[in-house]
């Protein structure tokens, strides 16, 4: 049994949504996700993205679960661009825990495919691609000279 996993099962990710911002109503705790996206366009590199928010919904956890969100760059050998970890307590495996992350001034060194990963108790639960593209401007076509009648 060399690969047998010990301990309670890791939670399951129901949703991972990237957006510009998340508003959480103080009274109801309901979240409104503003400006969802999967691609970032940049004029120059390194590119700084002012605000990136991530909404996670998890279920199926048993007791306390350590959850980590990591943003990996194009080069896997480099340090992650972002990593944050916390603990969620699941009082019942049927409960849905919603977790929001806000990442300010995130710097992307070059265009390419980046990956957001969610780990639960050090097990990869979900991975999501984030494309960072270089914007290329094309000159508008020159207007044809007007003909005189």
Protein backbone atom coordinates (compact mmCIF):
# COMPACT_ATOMS: atom_id res chain seq x y z
CA UNK A 1 0.00 0.00 0.00
CA UNK A 2 2.69 2.55 -0.90
CA UNK A 3 0.31 5.22 -2.29
CA UNK A 4 -2.47 4.77 0.27
CA UNK A 5 -3.78 8.11 1.56
CA UNK A 6 -4.21 8.36 5.30
CA UNK A 7 -6.56 10.65 7.18
CA UNK A 8 -9.87 12.21 6.21
CA UNK A 9 -10.59 12.95 2.54
CA UNK A 10 -9.74 16.42 1.25
CA UNK A 11 -12.64 18.73 0.41
CA UNK A 12 -13.98 18.97 -3.14
CA UNK A 13 -13.97 22.23 -5.13
CA UNK A 14 -17.43 23.15 -6.43
CA UNK A 15 -16.32 26.43 -8.04
CA UNK A 16 -13.24 28.55 -8.65
CA UNK A 17 -14.07 31.86 -10.33
CA UNK A 18 -11.60 34.63 -11.26
CA UNK A 19 -12.93 38.18 -11.24
CA UNK A 20 -12.07 41.83 -10.69
CA UNK A 21 -13.69 42.12 -7.26
CA UNK A 22 -16.05 40.38 -4.85
CA UNK A 23 -18.71 42.15 -2.83
CA UNK A 24 -20.04 40.27 0.19
CA UNK A 25 -23.29 41.53 1.68
CA UNK A 26 -22.68 42.05 5.41
CA UNK A 27 -26.22 40.99 6.37
CA UNK A 28 -26.73 37.87 4.21
CA UNK A 29 -23.05 36.95 3.56
CA UNK A 30 -24.01 36.36 -0.09
CA UNK A 31 -21.28 37.16 -2.62
CA UNK A 32 -21.56 39.13 -5.83
CA UNK A 33 -18.72 38.47 -8.28
CA UNK A 34 -17.82 41.49 -10.42
CA UNK A 35 -16.14 41.19 -13.83
CA UNK A 36 -15.39 37.49 -14.28
CA UNK A 37 -12.57 36.62 -16.69
CA UNK A 38 -10.07 33.98 -17.83
CA UNK A 39 -7.68 36.24 -19.76
CA UNK A 40 -5.65 39.32 -18.91
CA UNK A 41 -4.46 41.60 -21.72
CA UNK A 42 -1.35 43.70 -21.16
CA UNK A 43 0.45 46.30 -23.26
CA UNK A 44 3.93 45.77 -21.80
CA UNK A 45 5.78 43.28 -19.63
CA UNK A 46 6.32 42.82 -16.81
CA UNK A 47 2.61 43.61 -16.44
CA UNK A 48 1.03 44.60 -13.14
CA UNK A 49 -2.61 43.61 -12.70
CA UNK A 50 -4.08 45.92 -10.07
CA UNK A 51 -6.68 43.57 -8.58
CA UNK A 52 -7.50 39.92 -9.06
CA UNK A 53 -10.10 38.20 -6.90
CA UNK A 54 -10.75 34.48 -6.59
CA UNK A 55 -13.96 32.95 -5.26
CA UNK A 56 -13.81 29.34 -4.07
CA UNK A 57 -16.68 27.11 -2.98
CA UNK A 58 -15.69 23.84 -1.29
CA UNK A 59 -17.63 20.94 0.20
CA UNK A 60 -17.05 17.42 1.47
CA UNK A 61 -14.52 18.38 4.13
CA UNK A 62 -14.20 16.51 7.41
CA UNK A 63 -13.15 18.63 10.38
CA UNK A 64 -10.32 21.09 9.80
CA UNK A 65 -8.87 21.28 6.31
CA UNK A 66 -5.80 23.27 5.28
CA UNK A 67 -6.54 25.05 1.98
CA UNK A 68 -3.87 26.75 -0.16
CA UNK A 69 -4.31 28.87 -3.29
CA UNK A 70 -1.19 29.18 -5.46
CA UNK A 71 -0.55 31.03 -8.73
CA UNK A 72 2.20 29.39 -10.79
CA UNK A 73 4.05 31.11 -13.59
CA UNK A 74 4.93 30.02 -17.09
CA UNK A 75 8.19 28.55 -15.78
CA UNK A 76 7.27 25.87 -13.23
CA UNK A 77 10.75 25.94 -11.73
CA UNK A 78 10.24 29.52 -10.49
CA UNK A 79 8.72 30.48 -7.17
CA UNK A 80 4.92 30.94 -7.24
CA UNK A 81 3.70 34.45 -8.04
CA UNK A 82 1.22 34.14 -5.18
CA UNK A 83 0.48 31.64 -2.42
CA UNK A 84 -1.83 31.94 0.56
CA UNK A 85 -2.98 29.28 2.98
CA UNK A 86 -5.70 29.05 5.60
CA UNK A 87 -7.78 26.57 7.57
CA UNK A 88 -11.47 25.88 7.04
CA UNK A 89 -13.45 23.94 9.61
CA UNK A 90 -16.14 21.71 8.16
CA UNK A 91 -18.66 20.97 10.91
CA UNK A 92 -20.56 18.76 8.45
CA UNK A 93 -19.25 17.30 5.17
CA UNK A 94 -22.41 18.56 3.42
CA UNK A 95 -21.69 22.20 4.24
CA UNK A 96 -20.42 24.51 1.49
CA UNK A 97 -17.59 26.83 2.54
CA UNK A 98 -17.07 29.93 0.42
CA UNK A 99 -13.65 31.56 0.54
CA UNK A 100 -12.63 34.80 -1.19
CA UNK A 101 -9.11 35.91 -2.02
CA UNK A 102 -8.08 39.42 -3.14
CA UNK A 103 -4.66 39.78 -4.73
CA UNK A 104 -3.41 43.32 -5.32
CA UNK A 105 -0.67 44.45 -7.72
CA UNK A 106 0.11 41.03 -9.14
CA UNK A 107 3.13 41.16 -11.46
CA UNK A 108 3.26 38.90 -14.54
CA UNK A 109 6.83 38.76 -15.93
CA UNK A 110 5.86 37.69 -19.46
CA UNK A 111 2.90 36.62 -21.57
CA UNK A 112 1.78 33.02 -21.37
CA UNK A 113 -0.32 30.47 -19.56
CA UNK A 114 -0.40 30.76 -15.78
CA UNK A 115 -2.12 28.31 -13.43
CA UNK A 116 -4.11 28.82 -10.27
CA UNK A 117 -4.09 25.74 -8.06
CA UNK A 118 -6.15 24.86 -5.01
CA UNK A 119 -4.69 22.34 -2.58
CA UNK A 120 -6.53 20.77 0.35
CA UNK A 121 -4.34 19.12 2.97
CA UNK A 122 -1.48 19.19 0.41
CA UNK A 123 -3.56 17.36 -2.23
CA UNK A 124 -4.19 19.11 -5.57
CA UNK A 125 -7.96 19.62 -5.74
CA UNK A 126 -8.32 21.82 -8.83
CA UNK A 127 -6.28 23.77 -11.35
CA UNK A 128 -7.46 26.66 -13.48
CA UNK A 129 -5.63 28.33 -16.38
CA UNK A 130 -5.16 32.08 -16.58
CA UNK A 131 -3.94 33.43 -19.90
CA UNK A 132 -1.90 36.63 -19.93
CA UNK A 133 -1.71 37.99 -23.46
CA UNK A 134 0.27 40.80 -25.05
CA UNK A 135 -2.02 43.33 -26.72
CA UNK A 136 -0.96 44.24 -30.21
CA UNK A 137 -2.30 47.38 -31.76
CA UNK A 138 -2.94 47.64 -35.45
CA UNK A 139 -3.02 50.95 -37.20
CA UNK A 140 -6.47 51.81 -38.45
CA UNK A 141 -6.68 51.81 -42.26
CA UNK A 142 -6.16 55.18 -43.79
CA UNK A 143 -9.33 56.79 -45.05
CA UNK A 144 -9.72 56.87 -48.81
CA UNK A 145 -9.69 60.37 -50.27
CA UNK A 146 -13.19 61.64 -50.89
CA UNK A 147 -14.15 62.07 -54.53
CA UNK A 148 -15.49 65.38 -55.65
CA UNK A 149 -18.85 65.34 -57.42
